[in-house]
Amino acid sequence: MKENNTVKREEIRHLDETDRRILNILSDNAREKLTAIAKKVRLSVDSTKKRVEKLQLDGVIGKYTIQPVPSRIGLPLAVHVYIKLRNVTKERHGEFISEMKKNPRVIDVMSMLGDYDMYIVMLAKNTSELDRMKIELKEKFADMIGDWKEVLVTEVHKLEEYRF
């Protein structure tokens, strides 16, 4: 990112062992009480709180979240879609990203380097709903979708578990 004709670089935050342990605890349970974290890392509550706040301030902790189980809320189908784009303009690319971000059934949207340009994960109640979503998406962006590859997830063994 350029600011005042100079390149601004994001600084890498080096983690010590205590920061790593705090991050691992929060990765397991983002709602862990500060007192419990402090006890596990053998620091005072105040010191632990300062470390967590610094990790947030430095952008190491992006957000606290939950991980719902889609099948338990009526969305048993998870489809990973790889899309190769063609004839892309900045405006159409932005429209595509915006459309994906506002769609509640699209849970991941990523730009990629390699054989495909985009990666999305879509959730659906059943195959009919999935087909409808795919057709709508392909029709709306037919001018820029060059190739479409999809993979149906049958079982999740590990998902977004970061260890430091």
N, C-alpha and C. Protein backbone atom coordinates (compact mmCIF):
# COMPACT_ATOMS: atom_id res chain seq x y z
N MET A 1 0.85 -1.16 0.00
CA MET A 1 0.00 0.00 0.00
C MET A 1 0.89 1.23 0.00
N LYS A 2 0.59 2.20 -0.84
CA LYS A 2 1.41 3.41 -0.91
C LYS A 2 0.81 4.52 -0.08
N GLU A 3 1.67 5.18 0.65
CA GLU A 3 1.28 6.35 1.42
C GLU A 3 2.37 7.40 1.24
N ASN A 4 1.99 8.56 0.77
CA ASN A 4 2.94 9.66 0.57
C ASN A 4 4.16 9.21 -0.24
N ASN A 5 3.93 8.51 -1.34
CA ASN A 5 4.98 8.05 -2.26
C ASN A 5 5.98 7.09 -1.63
N THR A 6 5.66 6.51 -0.49
CA THR A 6 6.53 5.49 0.09
C THR A 6 5.71 4.21 0.25
N VAL A 7 6.38 3.11 0.24
CA VAL A 7 5.70 1.84 0.40
C VAL A 7 5.59 1.53 1.88
N LYS A 8 4.37 1.31 2.33
CA LYS A 8 4.14 0.95 3.73
C LYS A 8 4.09 -0.57 3.82
N ARG A 9 4.90 -1.14 4.68
CA ARG A 9 4.94 -2.59 4.84
C ARG A 9 4.29 -2.98 6.15
N GLU A 10 3.57 -4.09 6.10
CA GLU A 10 3.01 -4.62 7.35
C GLU A 10 4.15 -5.28 8.11
N GLU A 11 4.24 -4.93 9.37
CA GLU A 11 5.29 -5.52 10.18
C GLU A 11 4.89 -6.91 10.63
N ILE A 12 5.84 -7.80 10.63
CA ILE A 12 5.61 -9.15 11.11
C ILE A 12 5.76 -9.12 12.63
N ARG A 13 4.78 -9.66 13.31
CA ARG A 13 4.81 -9.70 14.77
C ARG A 13 5.44 -11.02 15.18
N HIS A 14 6.58 -10.97 15.81
CA HIS A 14 7.25 -12.19 16.29
C HIS A 14 6.63 -12.60 17.62
N LEU A 15 6.26 -13.86 17.69
CA LEU A 15 5.58 -14.37 18.88
C LEU A 15 6.56 -15.11 19.79
N ASP A 16 6.47 -14.81 21.08
CA ASP A 16 7.25 -15.62 22.02
C ASP A 16 6.39 -16.82 22.44
N GLU A 17 6.95 -17.68 23.24
CA GLU A 17 6.25 -18.92 23.63
C GLU A 17 4.94 -18.62 24.35
N THR A 18 4.91 -17.60 25.18
CA THR A 18 3.68 -17.26 25.92
C THR A 18 2.60 -16.79 24.97
N ASP A 19 2.96 -15.94 24.00
CA ASP A 19 1.98 -15.49 22.99
C ASP A 19 1.43 -16.69 22.23
N ARG A 20 2.30 -17.62 21.87
CA ARG A 20 1.86 -18.82 21.14
C ARG A 20 0.87 -19.64 21.97
N ARG A 21 1.17 -19.79 23.24
CA ARG A 21 0.28 -20.56 24.12
C ARG A 21 -1.07 -19.87 24.25
N ILE A 22 -1.05 -18.54 24.38
CA ILE A 22 -2.32 -17.78 24.46
C ILE A 22 -3.13 -17.98 23.18
N LEU A 23 -2.47 -17.87 22.03
CA LEU A 23 -3.18 -18.05 20.76
C LEU A 23 -3.76 -19.45 20.63
N ASN A 24 -3.01 -20.46 21.06
CA ASN A 24 -3.52 -21.84 20.99
C ASN A 24 -4.74 -22.03 21.90
N ILE A 25 -4.70 -21.43 23.07
CA ILE A 25 -5.84 -21.52 23.99
C ILE A 25 -7.07 -20.86 23.35
N LEU A 26 -6.87 -19.67 22.79
CA LEU A 26 -8.00 -18.96 22.17
C LEU A 26 -8.48 -19.66 20.89
N SER A 27 -7.58 -20.35 20.20
CA SER A 27 -7.99 -21.12 19.01
C SER A 27 -8.90 -22.27 19.42
N ASP A 28 -8.61 -22.88 20.56
CA ASP A 28 -9.46 -23.96 21.06
C ASP A 28 -10.80 -23.44 21.55
N ASN A 29 -10.77 -22.28 22.21
CA ASN A 29 -11.99 -21.73 22.78
C ASN A 29 -11.85 -20.21 22.86
N ALA A 30 -12.44 -19.51 21.91
CA ALA A 30 -12.35 -18.06 21.86
C ALA A 30 -13.06 -17.39 23.04
N ARG A 31 -13.86 -18.15 23.77
CA ARG A 31 -14.58 -17.61 24.92
C ARG A 31 -13.90 -17.94 26.25
N GLU A 32 -12.70 -18.47 26.18
CA GLU A 32 -11.98 -18.83 27.42
C GLU A 32 -11.85 -17.59 28.31
N LYS A 33 -12.09 -17.77 29.57
CA LYS A 33 -11.99 -16.67 30.54
C LYS A 33 -10.53 -16.25 30.68
N LEU A 34 -10.33 -14.96 30.86
CA LEU A 34 -8.99 -14.41 31.03
C LEU A 34 -8.28 -15.04 32.22
N THR A 35 -9.01 -15.29 33.30
CA THR A 35 -8.40 -15.90 34.49
C THR A 35 -7.89 -17.31 34.17
N ALA A 36 -8.64 -18.05 33.37
CA ALA A 36 -8.22 -19.41 33.01
C ALA A 36 -7.00 -19.38 32.09
N ILE A 37 -6.97 -18.42 31.17
CA ILE A 37 -5.82 -18.28 30.27
C ILE A 37 -4.58 -17.93 31.10
N ALA A 38 -4.73 -16.96 32.00
CA ALA A 38 -3.61 -16.53 32.84
C ALA A 38 -3.05 -17.70 33.65
N LYS A 39 -3.93 -18.51 34.18
CA LYS A 39 -3.49 -19.67 34.96
C LYS A 39 -2.72 -20.66 34.09
N LYS A 40 -3.22 -20.90 32.88
CA LYS A 40 -2.59 -21.87 31.98
C LYS A 40 -1.22 -21.40 31.49
N VAL A 41 -1.05 -20.09 31.32
CA VAL A 41 0.24 -19.58 30.83
C VAL A 41 1.13 -19.07 31.97
N ARG A 42 0.63 -19.18 33.19
CA ARG A 42 1.38 -18.82 34.40
C ARG A 42 1.79 -17.34 34.42
N LEU A 43 0.81 -16.48 34.13
CA LEU A 43 1.00 -15.03 34.24
C LEU A 43 -0.14 -14.47 35.07
N SER A 44 0.02 -13.23 35.49
CA SER A 44 -1.08 -12.56 36.18
C SER A 44 -2.18 -12.27 35.16
N VAL A 45 -3.37 -12.01 35.66
CA VAL A 45 -4.49 -11.69 34.78
C VAL A 45 -4.19 -10.40 34.02
N ASP A 46 -3.60 -9.40 34.71
CA ASP A 46 -3.28 -8.13 34.06
C ASP A 46 -2.26 -8.32 32.93
N SER A 47 -1.22 -9.09 33.18
CA SER A 47 -0.21 -9.34 32.14
C SER A 47 -0.81 -10.08 30.95
N THR A 48 -1.67 -11.05 31.26
CA THR A 48 -2.32 -11.81 30.19
C THR A 48 -3.23 -10.90 29.38
N LYS A 49 -3.99 -10.06 30.07
CA LYS A 49 -4.90 -9.13 29.37
C LYS A 49 -4.11 -8.20 28.45
N LYS A 50 -2.98 -7.69 28.94
CA LYS A 50 -2.15 -6.80 28.12
C LYS A 50 -1.63 -7.53 26.88
N ARG A 51 -1.23 -8.78 27.04
CA ARG A 51 -0.73 -9.56 25.90
C ARG A 51 -1.84 -9.79 24.87
N VAL A 52 -3.03 -10.14 25.34
CA VAL A 52 -4.15 -10.36 24.42
C VAL A 52 -4.49 -9.07 23.68
N GLU A 53 -4.54 -7.96 24.42
CA GLU A 53 -4.82 -6.67 23.80
C GLU A 53 -3.76 -6.31 22.76
N LYS A 54 -2.50 -6.58 23.06
CA LYS A 54 -1.40 -6.29 22.12
C LYS A 54 -1.52 -7.18 20.87
N LEU A 55 -1.88 -8.44 21.05
CA LEU A 55 -2.08 -9.34 19.90
C LEU A 55 -3.22 -8.82 19.01
N GLN A 56 -4.26 -8.27 19.64
CA GLN A 56 -5.35 -7.68 18.87
C GLN A 56 -4.89 -6.41 18.16
N LEU A 57 -4.24 -5.54 18.90
CA LEU A 57 -3.77 -4.26 18.35
C LEU A 57 -2.81 -4.46 17.19
N ASP A 58 -1.95 -5.47 17.30
CA ASP A 58 -0.97 -5.76 16.25
C ASP A 58 -1.58 -6.50 15.06
N GLY A 59 -2.86 -6.85 15.17
CA GLY A 59 -3.52 -7.53 14.06
C GLY A 59 -3.26 -9.03 13.99
N VAL A 60 -2.64 -9.58 15.02
CA VAL A 60 -2.40 -11.03 15.05
C VAL A 60 -3.73 -11.75 15.24
N ILE A 61 -4.56 -11.25 16.15
CA ILE A 61 -5.91 -11.78 16.33
C ILE A 61 -6.83 -10.94 15.46
N GLY A 62 -7.36 -11.57 14.42
CA GLY A 62 -8.24 -10.86 13.49
C GLY A 62 -9.66 -10.74 13.99
N LYS A 63 -10.16 -11.83 14.58
CA LYS A 63 -11.50 -11.80 15.16
C LYS A 63 -11.71 -13.05 16.00
N TYR A 64 -12.71 -12.97 16.85
CA TYR A 64 -13.13 -14.12 17.64
C TYR A 64 -14.39 -14.64 16.97
N THR A 65 -14.49 -15.95 16.85
CA THR A 65 -15.63 -16.48 16.10
C THR A 65 -16.05 -17.84 16.64
N ILE A 66 -17.11 -18.35 16.08
CA ILE A 66 -17.56 -19.70 16.38
C ILE A 66 -17.46 -20.52 15.10
N GLN A 67 -17.60 -21.81 15.24
CA GLN A 67 -17.55 -22.67 14.07
C GLN A 67 -18.80 -23.56 14.07
N PRO A 68 -19.90 -23.08 13.45
CA PRO A 68 -21.12 -23.88 13.42
C PRO A 68 -20.92 -25.14 12.59
N VAL A 69 -21.73 -26.14 12.86
CA VAL A 69 -21.73 -27.36 12.08
C VAL A 69 -22.90 -27.24 11.10
N PRO A 70 -22.61 -26.98 9.81
CA PRO A 70 -23.68 -26.70 8.84
C PRO A 70 -24.77 -27.77 8.78
N SER A 71 -24.42 -29.03 8.88
CA SER A 71 -25.43 -30.09 8.79
C SER A 71 -26.43 -30.02 9.93
N ARG A 72 -26.01 -29.50 11.09
CA ARG A 72 -26.89 -29.39 12.25
C ARG A 72 -27.90 -28.25 12.12
N ILE A 73 -27.71 -27.38 11.13
CA ILE A 73 -28.66 -26.29 10.89
C ILE A 73 -29.32 -26.43 9.52
N GLY A 74 -29.31 -27.66 9.00
CA GLY A 74 -30.03 -27.93 7.76
C GLY A 74 -29.29 -27.64 6.48
N LEU A 75 -27.96 -27.54 6.53
CA LEU A 75 -27.15 -27.28 5.34
C LEU A 75 -26.07 -28.36 5.20
N PRO A 76 -26.49 -29.58 4.86
CA PRO A 76 -25.55 -30.70 4.85
C PRO A 76 -24.59 -30.74 3.66
N LEU A 77 -24.89 -30.00 2.60
CA LEU A 77 -24.01 -30.04 1.43
C LEU A 77 -23.02 -28.88 1.44
N ALA A 78 -21.74 -29.21 1.39
CA ALA A 78 -20.68 -28.21 1.29
C ALA A 78 -19.93 -28.49 0.00
N VAL A 79 -19.93 -27.52 -0.89
CA VAL A 79 -19.28 -27.68 -2.18
C VAL A 79 -18.16 -26.66 -2.30
N HIS A 80 -16.97 -27.16 -2.61
CA HIS A 80 -15.82 -26.31 -2.84
C HIS A 80 -15.73 -26.08 -4.35
N VAL A 81 -15.72 -24.82 -4.75
CA VAL A 81 -15.76 -24.47 -6.17
C VAL A 81 -14.48 -23.71 -6.54
N TYR A 82 -13.85 -24.18 -7.61
CA TYR A 82 -12.65 -23.54 -8.15
C TYR A 82 -13.05 -22.91 -9.48
N ILE A 83 -12.78 -21.62 -9.62
CA ILE A 83 -13.22 -20.90 -10.81
C ILE A 83 -12.02 -20.26 -11.51
N LYS A 84 -11.95 -20.49 -12.80
CA LYS A 84 -10.95 -19.82 -13.64
C LYS A 84 -11.68 -18.68 -14.35
N LEU A 85 -11.15 -17.49 -14.22
CA LEU A 85 -11.79 -16.32 -14.80
C LEU A 85 -11.22 -16.01 -16.18
N ARG A 86 -12.03 -15.32 -17.00
CA ARG A 86 -11.58 -14.87 -18.32
C ARG A 86 -12.22 -13.51 -18.58
N ASN A 87 -11.59 -12.74 -19.42
CA ASN A 87 -12.12 -11.41 -19.80
C ASN A 87 -12.57 -10.61 -18.59
N VAL A 88 -11.74 -10.58 -17.56
CA VAL A 88 -12.11 -9.93 -16.30
C VAL A 88 -11.76 -8.45 -16.34
N THR A 89 -12.71 -7.64 -15.91
CA THR A 89 -12.42 -6.23 -15.68
C THR A 89 -12.42 -6.01 -14.18
N LYS A 90 -11.80 -4.94 -13.75
CA LYS A 90 -11.75 -4.63 -12.33
C LYS A 90 -13.16 -4.48 -11.78
N GLU A 91 -14.03 -3.84 -12.55
CA GLU A 91 -15.40 -3.61 -12.11
C GLU A 91 -16.17 -4.93 -11.96
N ARG A 92 -16.09 -5.80 -12.96
CA ARG A 92 -16.81 -7.08 -12.89
C ARG A 92 -16.24 -7.97 -11.77
N HIS A 93 -14.94 -7.93 -11.60
CA HIS A 93 -14.32 -8.70 -10.52
C HIS A 93 -14.87 -8.22 -9.18
N GLY A 94 -14.95 -6.92 -9.01
CA GLY A 94 -15.51 -6.35 -7.78
C GLY A 94 -16.96 -6.75 -7.57
N GLU A 95 -17.74 -6.77 -8.66
CA GLU A 95 -19.14 -7.19 -8.57
C GLU A 95 -19.23 -8.65 -8.14
N PHE A 96 -18.36 -9.49 -8.70
CA PHE A 96 -18.35 -10.90 -8.36
C PHE A 96 -18.04 -11.09 -6.88
N ILE A 97 -16.98 -10.43 -6.41
CA ILE A 97 -16.58 -10.54 -5.01
C ILE A 97 -17.72 -10.04 -4.10
N SER A 98 -18.30 -8.92 -4.45
CA SER A 98 -19.39 -8.36 -3.66
C SER A 98 -20.58 -9.31 -3.59
N GLU A 99 -20.93 -9.90 -4.72
CA GLU A 99 -22.03 -10.85 -4.77
C GLU A 99 -21.76 -12.06 -3.87
N MET A 100 -20.54 -12.56 -3.91
CA MET A 100 -20.18 -13.72 -3.10
C MET A 100 -20.20 -13.37 -1.62
N LYS A 101 -19.70 -12.20 -1.25
CA LYS A 101 -19.63 -11.80 0.15
C LYS A 101 -21.02 -11.60 0.76
N LYS A 102 -21.97 -11.15 -0.03
CA LYS A 102 -23.30 -10.90 0.53
C LYS A 102 -24.20 -12.14 0.51
N ASN A 103 -23.78 -13.20 -0.17
CA ASN A 103 -24.57 -14.42 -0.24
C ASN A 103 -24.37 -15.23 1.04
N PRO A 104 -25.42 -15.43 1.85
CA PRO A 104 -25.26 -16.13 3.12
C PRO A 104 -24.88 -17.60 2.97
N ARG A 105 -25.09 -18.17 1.80
CA ARG A 105 -24.74 -19.57 1.57
C ARG A 105 -23.31 -19.75 1.08
N VAL A 106 -22.62 -18.66 0.80
CA VAL A 106 -21.20 -18.70 0.43
C VAL A 106 -20.43 -18.36 1.69
N ILE A 107 -19.65 -19.33 2.19
CA ILE A 107 -18.97 -19.10 3.47
C ILE A 107 -17.49 -18.77 3.33
N ASP A 108 -16.89 -19.07 2.18
CA ASP A 108 -15.49 -18.71 1.92
C ASP A 108 -15.38 -18.14 0.52
N VAL A 109 -14.61 -17.07 0.38
CA VAL A 109 -14.33 -16.48 -0.93
C VAL A 109 -12.86 -16.09 -0.91
N MET A 110 -12.08 -16.67 -1.81
CA MET A 110 -10.65 -16.39 -1.84
C MET A 110 -10.16 -16.23 -3.27
N SER A 111 -9.27 -15.27 -3.48
CA SER A 111 -8.55 -15.16 -4.74
C SER A 111 -7.33 -16.04 -4.63
N MET A 112 -6.94 -16.65 -5.76
CA MET A 112 -5.84 -17.61 -5.73
C MET A 112 -4.87 -17.35 -6.87
N LEU A 113 -3.67 -17.86 -6.72
CA LEU A 113 -2.70 -17.93 -7.80
C LEU A 113 -2.57 -19.39 -8.17
N GLY A 114 -2.44 -19.69 -9.45
CA GLY A 114 -2.30 -21.08 -9.87
C GLY A 114 -3.26 -21.39 -10.99
N ASP A 115 -3.72 -22.63 -11.04
CA ASP A 115 -4.60 -23.07 -12.11
C ASP A 115 -5.96 -22.38 -12.08
N TYR A 116 -6.43 -21.99 -10.90
CA TYR A 116 -7.72 -21.32 -10.77
C TYR A 116 -7.52 -19.96 -10.11
N ASP A 117 -8.47 -19.06 -10.36
CA ASP A 117 -8.37 -17.68 -9.86
C ASP A 117 -9.16 -17.43 -8.58
N MET A 118 -10.25 -18.17 -8.43
CA MET A 118 -11.12 -17.97 -7.28
C MET A 118 -11.45 -19.31 -6.64
N TYR A 119 -11.67 -19.25 -5.35
CA TYR A 119 -12.10 -20.43 -4.59
C TYR A 119 -13.25 -19.99 -3.71
N ILE A 120 -14.38 -20.70 -3.81
CA ILE A 120 -15.52 -20.39 -2.95
C ILE A 120 -16.05 -21.69 -2.34
N VAL A 121 -16.66 -21.58 -1.19
CA VAL A 121 -17.33 -22.71 -0.56
C VAL A 121 -18.79 -22.31 -0.40
N MET A 122 -19.66 -23.16 -0.93
CA MET A 122 -21.10 -22.92 -0.88
C MET A 122 -21.76 -24.00 -0.04
N LEU A 123 -22.76 -23.61 0.75
CA LEU A 123 -23.55 -24.56 1.54
C LEU A 123 -24.96 -24.61 0.96
N ALA A 124 -25.57 -25.82 1.00
CA ALA A 124 -26.92 -25.96 0.49
C ALA A 124 -27.69 -27.00 1.28
N LYS A 125 -29.03 -26.86 1.26
CA LYS A 125 -29.91 -27.81 1.94
C LYS A 125 -29.96 -29.14 1.20
N ASN A 126 -29.97 -29.05 -0.13
CA ASN A 126 -30.11 -30.25 -0.95
C ASN A 126 -29.54 -29.98 -2.35
N THR A 127 -29.54 -31.00 -3.18
CA THR A 127 -28.95 -30.86 -4.52
C THR A 127 -29.75 -29.90 -5.40
N SER A 128 -31.05 -29.83 -5.21
CA SER A 128 -31.86 -28.89 -6.00
C SER A 128 -31.47 -27.45 -5.70
N GLU A 129 -31.32 -27.15 -4.43
CA GLU A 129 -30.92 -25.80 -4.04
C GLU A 129 -29.51 -25.49 -4.55
N LEU A 130 -28.64 -26.46 -4.45
CA LEU A 130 -27.28 -26.28 -4.93
C LEU A 130 -27.26 -26.01 -6.43
N ASP A 131 -28.01 -26.78 -7.20
CA ASP A 131 -28.09 -26.56 -8.65
C ASP A 131 -28.63 -25.18 -8.97
N ARG A 132 -29.66 -24.74 -8.25
CA ARG A 132 -30.23 -23.41 -8.47
C ARG A 132 -29.20 -22.32 -8.22
N MET A 133 -28.45 -22.44 -7.12
CA MET A 133 -27.43 -21.43 -6.79
C MET A 133 -26.34 -21.39 -7.86
N LYS A 134 -25.90 -22.55 -8.31
CA LYS A 134 -24.84 -22.62 -9.32
C LYS A 134 -25.31 -22.00 -10.64
N ILE A 135 -26.53 -22.33 -11.05
CA ILE A 135 -27.06 -21.79 -12.31
C ILE A 135 -27.16 -20.28 -12.24
N GLU A 136 -27.70 -19.76 -11.13
CA GLU A 136 -27.82 -18.30 -10.97
C GLU A 136 -26.45 -17.63 -11.06
N LEU A 137 -25.50 -18.21 -10.38
CA LEU A 137 -24.15 -17.64 -10.37
C LEU A 137 -23.52 -17.70 -11.75
N LYS A 138 -23.63 -18.83 -12.41
CA LYS A 138 -23.04 -18.99 -13.74
C LYS A 138 -23.72 -18.08 -14.76
N GLU A 139 -25.03 -17.88 -14.65
CA GLU A 139 -25.74 -16.98 -15.57
C GLU A 139 -25.33 -15.54 -15.35
N LYS A 140 -25.28 -15.13 -14.10
CA LYS A 140 -24.97 -13.73 -13.77
C LYS A 140 -23.54 -13.35 -14.18
N PHE A 141 -22.62 -14.32 -14.11
CA PHE A 141 -21.22 -14.02 -14.41
C PHE A 141 -20.69 -14.86 -15.57
N ALA A 142 -21.57 -15.19 -16.51
CA ALA A 142 -21.19 -16.02 -17.66
C ALA A 142 -20.07 -15.38 -18.48
N ASP A 143 -20.04 -14.06 -18.51
CA ASP A 143 -19.03 -13.36 -19.29
C ASP A 143 -17.61 -13.52 -18.74
N MET A 144 -17.50 -13.91 -17.48
CA MET A 144 -16.16 -13.98 -16.90
C MET A 144 -15.79 -15.34 -16.29
N ILE A 145 -16.72 -16.27 -16.23
CA ILE A 145 -16.40 -17.61 -15.73
C ILE A 145 -15.92 -18.47 -16.89
N GLY A 146 -14.62 -18.78 -16.87
CA GLY A 146 -14.04 -19.58 -17.95
C GLY A 146 -14.10 -21.06 -17.66
N ASP A 147 -13.83 -21.43 -16.42
CA ASP A 147 -13.84 -22.85 -16.04
C ASP A 147 -14.38 -22.94 -14.63
N TRP A 148 -15.06 -24.02 -14.35
CA TRP A 148 -15.72 -24.22 -13.07
C TRP A 148 -15.48 -25.67 -12.66
N LYS A 149 -14.84 -25.86 -11.53
CA LYS A 149 -14.60 -27.21 -11.01
C LYS A 149 -15.15 -27.23 -9.60
N GLU A 150 -15.90 -28.26 -9.29
CA GLU A 150 -16.46 -28.33 -7.94
C GLU A 150 -16.18 -29.69 -7.31
N VAL A 151 -16.08 -29.65 -6.00
CA VAL A 151 -15.81 -30.85 -5.22
C VAL A 151 -16.80 -30.86 -4.06
N LEU A 152 -17.49 -31.97 -3.89
CA LEU A 152 -18.43 -32.10 -2.78
C LEU A 152 -17.70 -32.69 -1.58
N VAL A 153 -17.80 -32.01 -0.46
CA VAL A 153 -17.16 -32.48 0.77
C VAL A 153 -18.05 -33.53 1.40
N THR A 154 -17.47 -34.70 1.71
CA THR A 154 -18.25 -35.76 2.33
C THR A 154 -18.05 -35.82 3.84
N GLU A 155 -16.87 -35.39 4.31
CA GLU A 155 -16.60 -35.39 5.74
C GLU A 155 -15.47 -34.41 6.04
N VAL A 156 -15.62 -33.66 7.12
CA VAL A 156 -14.59 -32.72 7.54
C VAL A 156 -13.81 -33.35 8.69
N HIS A 157 -12.50 -33.45 8.52
CA HIS A 157 -11.65 -34.04 9.55
C HIS A 157 -10.94 -32.98 10.40
N LYS A 158 -10.67 -31.84 9.81
CA LYS A 158 -10.03 -30.73 10.52
C LYS A 158 -10.39 -29.47 9.75
N LEU A 159 -10.70 -28.42 10.47
CA LEU A 159 -11.11 -27.18 9.82
C LEU A 159 -10.59 -25.98 10.59
N GLU A 160 -9.84 -25.15 9.92
CA GLU A 160 -9.35 -23.89 10.47
C GLU A 160 -8.87 -23.99 11.92
N GLU A 161 -7.97 -24.87 12.14
CA GLU A 161 -7.38 -25.00 13.47
C GLU A 161 -5.92 -24.56 13.37
N TYR A 162 -5.65 -23.38 13.87
CA TYR A 162 -4.29 -22.85 13.80
C TYR A 162 -3.54 -23.22 15.06
N ARG A 163 -2.34 -23.69 14.89
CA ARG A 163 -1.46 -24.00 16.02
C ARG A 163 -0.19 -23.19 15.89
N PHE A 164 0.23 -22.62 16.99
CA PHE A 164 1.41 -21.75 16.97
C PHE A 164 2.51 -22.28 17.86
